[in-house]
Protein backbone atom coordinates (compact mmCIF):
# COMPACT_ATOMS: atom_id res chain seq x y z
CA MET A 1 -125.49 -42.97 -84.18
CA LYS A 2 -126.53 -44.75 -81.15
CA ASN A 3 -127.17 -47.58 -83.05
CA THR A 4 -124.09 -47.68 -84.91
CA PHE A 5 -122.00 -47.28 -81.75
CA SER A 6 -123.59 -50.08 -80.45
CA GLU A 7 -122.53 -52.27 -83.42
CA ILE A 8 -119.07 -50.49 -83.48
CA ARG A 9 -118.31 -51.14 -79.69
CA PRO A 10 -118.39 -54.98 -79.72
CA ALA A 11 -115.71 -54.70 -82.58
CA ILE A 12 -113.47 -52.67 -80.57
CA VAL A 13 -113.79 -54.71 -77.64
CA SER A 14 -113.18 -57.64 -79.30
CA THR A 15 -109.90 -55.71 -80.97
CA LEU A 16 -108.52 -54.88 -77.63
CA VAL A 17 -109.31 -58.03 -75.89
CA LEU A 18 -107.54 -60.13 -78.45
CA ALA A 19 -104.54 -57.73 -78.80
CA VAL A 20 -103.94 -58.41 -75.07
CA ILE A 21 -104.25 -61.94 -75.19
CA CYS A 22 -102.42 -62.68 -78.59
CA CYS A 23 -99.83 -59.91 -78.18
CA GLY A 24 -99.46 -59.84 -74.50
CA PHE A 25 -100.60 -63.07 -72.37
CA TYR A 26 -99.62 -65.80 -75.13
CA PRO A 27 -96.28 -64.34 -76.29
CA PHE A 28 -95.44 -64.26 -72.50
CA ALA A 29 -96.91 -67.34 -71.38
CA VAL A 30 -95.09 -69.19 -74.17
CA THR A 31 -91.89 -67.69 -73.36
CA GLY A 32 -91.84 -68.26 -69.60
CA ILE A 33 -92.61 -72.09 -70.28
CA ALA A 34 -89.94 -72.52 -72.81
CA LYS A 35 -87.25 -70.57 -70.18
CA LEU A 36 -88.40 -73.13 -67.66
CA ALA A 37 -88.53 -76.36 -69.92
CA PHE A 38 -85.77 -75.69 -72.30
CA ALA A 39 -83.51 -72.60 -70.83
CA LYS A 40 -80.77 -73.36 -73.13
CA LYS A 41 -82.97 -73.51 -76.18
CA ALA A 42 -84.88 -70.56 -75.45
CA ASP A 43 -82.26 -68.47 -74.94
CA GLY A 44 -80.96 -69.40 -78.68
CA SER A 45 -78.60 -72.44 -77.76
CA LEU A 46 -75.86 -70.03 -76.73
CA VAL A 47 -72.13 -71.56 -76.78
CA VAL A 48 -69.62 -70.28 -74.44
CA ASP A 49 -65.88 -71.71 -74.66
CA GLN A 50 -63.53 -73.15 -71.71
CA LYS A 51 -63.07 -69.59 -70.61
CA GLY A 52 -66.38 -68.51 -70.65
CA VAL A 53 -66.40 -66.64 -73.15
CA LEU A 54 -69.53 -66.78 -75.42
CA VAL A 55 -68.36 -67.63 -79.06
CA GLY A 56 -71.73 -68.29 -80.98
CA SER A 57 -75.02 -70.44 -81.31
CA SER A 58 -74.72 -74.48 -81.66
CA LEU A 59 -77.57 -73.37 -84.43
CA LEU A 60 -75.20 -71.03 -86.51
CA ALA A 61 -72.25 -72.20 -88.43
CA GLN A 62 -69.00 -69.99 -88.16
CA GLY A 63 -65.97 -70.20 -90.52
CA PHE A 64 -62.47 -71.71 -89.42
CA ALA A 65 -59.81 -71.56 -90.89
CA GLY A 66 -56.65 -73.44 -90.35
CA GLU A 67 -55.72 -77.32 -90.57
CA ARG A 68 -56.36 -77.82 -86.98
CA TYR A 69 -60.00 -76.93 -87.07
CA PHE A 70 -62.79 -79.12 -88.80
CA GLN A 71 -64.09 -76.76 -91.63
CA PRO A 72 -68.22 -76.34 -91.92
CA ARG A 73 -70.02 -76.38 -95.12
CA PRO A 74 -69.74 -73.17 -97.79
CA SER A 75 -71.58 -70.19 -96.81
CA ALA A 76 -73.32 -67.69 -99.12
CA ALA A 77 -74.42 -65.77 -96.19
CA GLY A 78 -73.57 -62.27 -96.42
CA THR A 79 -70.40 -60.73 -98.61
CA SER A 80 -67.85 -62.80 -96.72
CA GLY A 81 -70.34 -65.80 -95.71
CA TYR A 82 -71.09 -67.08 -91.89
CA ASP A 83 -73.18 -63.55 -91.79
CA ALA A 84 -76.17 -64.51 -89.58
CA SER A 85 -77.91 -61.19 -90.08
CA SER A 86 -77.74 -62.15 -94.22
CA SER A 87 -78.69 -65.69 -94.03
CA GLY A 88 -79.34 -67.05 -97.54
CA GLY A 89 -77.85 -68.80 -100.53
CA SER A 90 -76.27 -67.73 -103.31
CA ASN A 91 -79.60 -68.04 -105.56
CA PHE A 92 -77.53 -69.88 -108.74
CA GLY A 93 -79.63 -72.29 -110.61
CA PRO A 94 -77.96 -76.21 -111.63
CA THR A 95 -77.23 -74.76 -114.17
CA SER A 96 -75.19 -71.69 -113.58
CA LYS A 97 -71.23 -71.58 -114.94
CA LYS A 98 -70.47 -69.39 -111.58
CA LEU A 99 -71.92 -72.22 -109.20
CA ALA A 100 -70.26 -75.21 -111.31
CA ASP A 101 -67.11 -73.29 -111.49
CA ALA A 102 -67.15 -72.63 -107.42
CA ILE A 103 -68.11 -76.04 -106.82
CA GLN A 104 -64.84 -77.26 -108.98
CA GLU A 105 -62.54 -74.83 -107.21
CA ARG A 106 -63.98 -76.12 -103.76
CA VAL A 107 -63.58 -79.65 -104.52
CA THR A 108 -59.82 -79.17 -105.70
CA ALA A 109 -59.13 -77.36 -102.50
CA TYR A 110 -60.69 -79.98 -100.22
CA ARG A 111 -58.87 -82.92 -101.85
CA ALA A 112 -55.79 -80.83 -101.24
CA SER A 113 -55.88 -79.99 -97.89
CA ASN A 114 -57.16 -83.54 -97.01
CA GLY A 115 -54.61 -85.32 -99.11
CA MET A 116 -57.21 -87.36 -100.96
CA ALA A 117 -56.08 -88.61 -104.67
CA THR A 118 -57.97 -86.63 -107.58
CA SER A 119 -60.35 -89.50 -108.24
CA GLU A 120 -61.69 -89.46 -105.25
CA PRO A 121 -65.55 -88.66 -104.11
CA VAL A 122 -65.85 -85.51 -102.30
CA PRO A 123 -68.97 -85.19 -99.96
CA ALA A 124 -71.51 -82.97 -101.77
CA ASP A 125 -72.03 -80.73 -98.06
CA ALA A 126 -68.07 -79.92 -98.09
CA VAL A 127 -68.48 -78.13 -101.76
CA THR A 128 -72.26 -76.59 -101.90
CA ALA A 129 -73.45 -73.86 -99.42
CA SER A 130 -76.86 -74.92 -97.68
CA GLY A 131 -79.95 -72.56 -98.28
CA SER A 132 -79.23 -70.58 -95.55
CA GLY A 133 -75.61 -70.76 -95.35
CA LEU A 134 -75.67 -71.11 -91.68
CA ASP A 135 -76.05 -74.83 -91.56
CA PRO A 136 -74.03 -75.54 -88.29
CA HIS A 137 -73.69 -79.14 -89.48
CA ILE A 138 -71.47 -81.57 -91.53
CA SER A 139 -71.77 -84.95 -92.67
CA LEU A 140 -70.48 -87.81 -91.28
CA ALA A 141 -68.38 -88.69 -94.34
CA ASN A 142 -67.04 -85.06 -94.74
CA ALA A 143 -66.01 -85.03 -90.89
CA ALA A 144 -64.46 -88.47 -91.56
CA ILE A 145 -62.24 -87.42 -94.16
CA GLN A 146 -61.49 -84.08 -92.44
CA ALA A 147 -60.41 -86.18 -89.35
CA GLY A 148 -57.50 -87.32 -90.83
CA ARG A 149 -55.74 -83.91 -91.37
CA VAL A 150 -56.88 -82.73 -87.84
CA ALA A 151 -55.56 -85.35 -86.68
CA LYS A 152 -52.11 -85.11 -87.90
CA SER A 153 -51.97 -81.11 -87.80
CA ARG A 154 -52.53 -81.51 -83.80
CA SER A 155 -50.45 -85.03 -83.66
CA LEU A 156 -53.20 -86.58 -81.90
CA PRO A 157 -54.40 -90.17 -82.70
CA ILE A 158 -56.84 -90.34 -85.26
CA GLU A 159 -58.87 -92.49 -82.88
CA LYS A 160 -59.21 -89.68 -80.53
CA ILE A 161 -60.47 -87.41 -83.03
CA GLN A 162 -63.07 -89.99 -84.30
CA GLU A 163 -64.18 -90.26 -80.59
CA LEU A 164 -64.52 -86.50 -80.64
CA VAL A 165 -66.48 -86.58 -83.36
CA ALA A 166 -69.17 -89.21 -82.32
CA ALA A 167 -69.24 -87.33 -79.28
CA HIS A 168 -70.36 -84.25 -81.14
CA THR A 169 -72.58 -85.90 -83.68
CA ASP A 170 -76.50 -85.04 -83.37
CA LYS A 171 -78.57 -88.06 -84.21
CA ALA A 172 -81.61 -87.66 -86.77
CA ASP A 173 -84.82 -86.43 -84.85
CA PHE A 174 -86.31 -89.98 -83.42
CA GLY A 175 -84.11 -91.63 -85.95
CA LEU A 176 -86.26 -91.06 -88.61
CA PHE A 177 -86.66 -87.17 -89.59
CA GLY A 178 -83.28 -85.58 -91.21
CA VAL A 179 -79.55 -87.39 -90.98
CA ASP A 180 -77.09 -87.81 -88.45
CA GLY A 181 -75.08 -84.36 -88.45
CA VAL A 182 -71.92 -83.02 -86.57
CA ASN A 183 -71.84 -79.74 -85.20
CA VAL A 184 -68.38 -77.59 -86.16
CA LEU A 185 -68.74 -75.48 -83.68
CA GLN A 186 -68.90 -77.71 -80.69
CA LEU A 187 -66.34 -80.06 -82.17
CA ASN A 188 -63.53 -77.87 -83.08
CA LEU A 189 -64.00 -75.73 -79.53
CA ALA A 190 -63.79 -79.81 -77.56
CA LEU A 191 -60.56 -79.85 -79.81
CA ASP A 192 -59.21 -76.82 -78.34
CA ALA A 193 -60.42 -77.52 -74.49
CA LEU A 194 -58.54 -80.91 -75.02
CA ALA A 195 -55.15 -79.09 -76.32
CA SER A 196 -55.21 -76.99 -73.26
CA GLY A 197 -55.55 -80.03 -71.16
CA ASN A 198 -59.24 -79.27 -70.09
CA PRO A 199 -61.53 -81.57 -72.44
């Protein structure tokens, strides 16, 4: 019995020591360093509007309605889309008739809302949902097409809208990984701030 306990005791002690290090010290240390070095990112990249009201995260897409706003990618997250608690895609395959019909409807609606000819190509990200359904960015091509509609509905020069688009474009990491994308939430908040006279 004594020999058995002498063999078990190191295993118990090792487990307890590793639990304290891995489940206690390490997470607290990493969180503390993150909050010191990357305070905004460590808290979820939260975004507040011009009134100081929390409106979301720059990492998560939100739905926007109306011609005055840039529209994000379609979303299959949750029953109504853009549900951060139900991140995910539609799981329709490339041969799915439902997916093909949904894309065709989106193409038609996109062309109509942006005053495009029926033969003009539509950016893929304007009519297809991302894998998470919460991609906060749209492509530069998508933003360029929508800029005309937004400028017209807000009675602003197209150049001003293009400036805002450029200011809210996130570049590819190190210029190599990923592609440039426009953060829709931050861009739309900047538009509202401009309209209220608080750019």
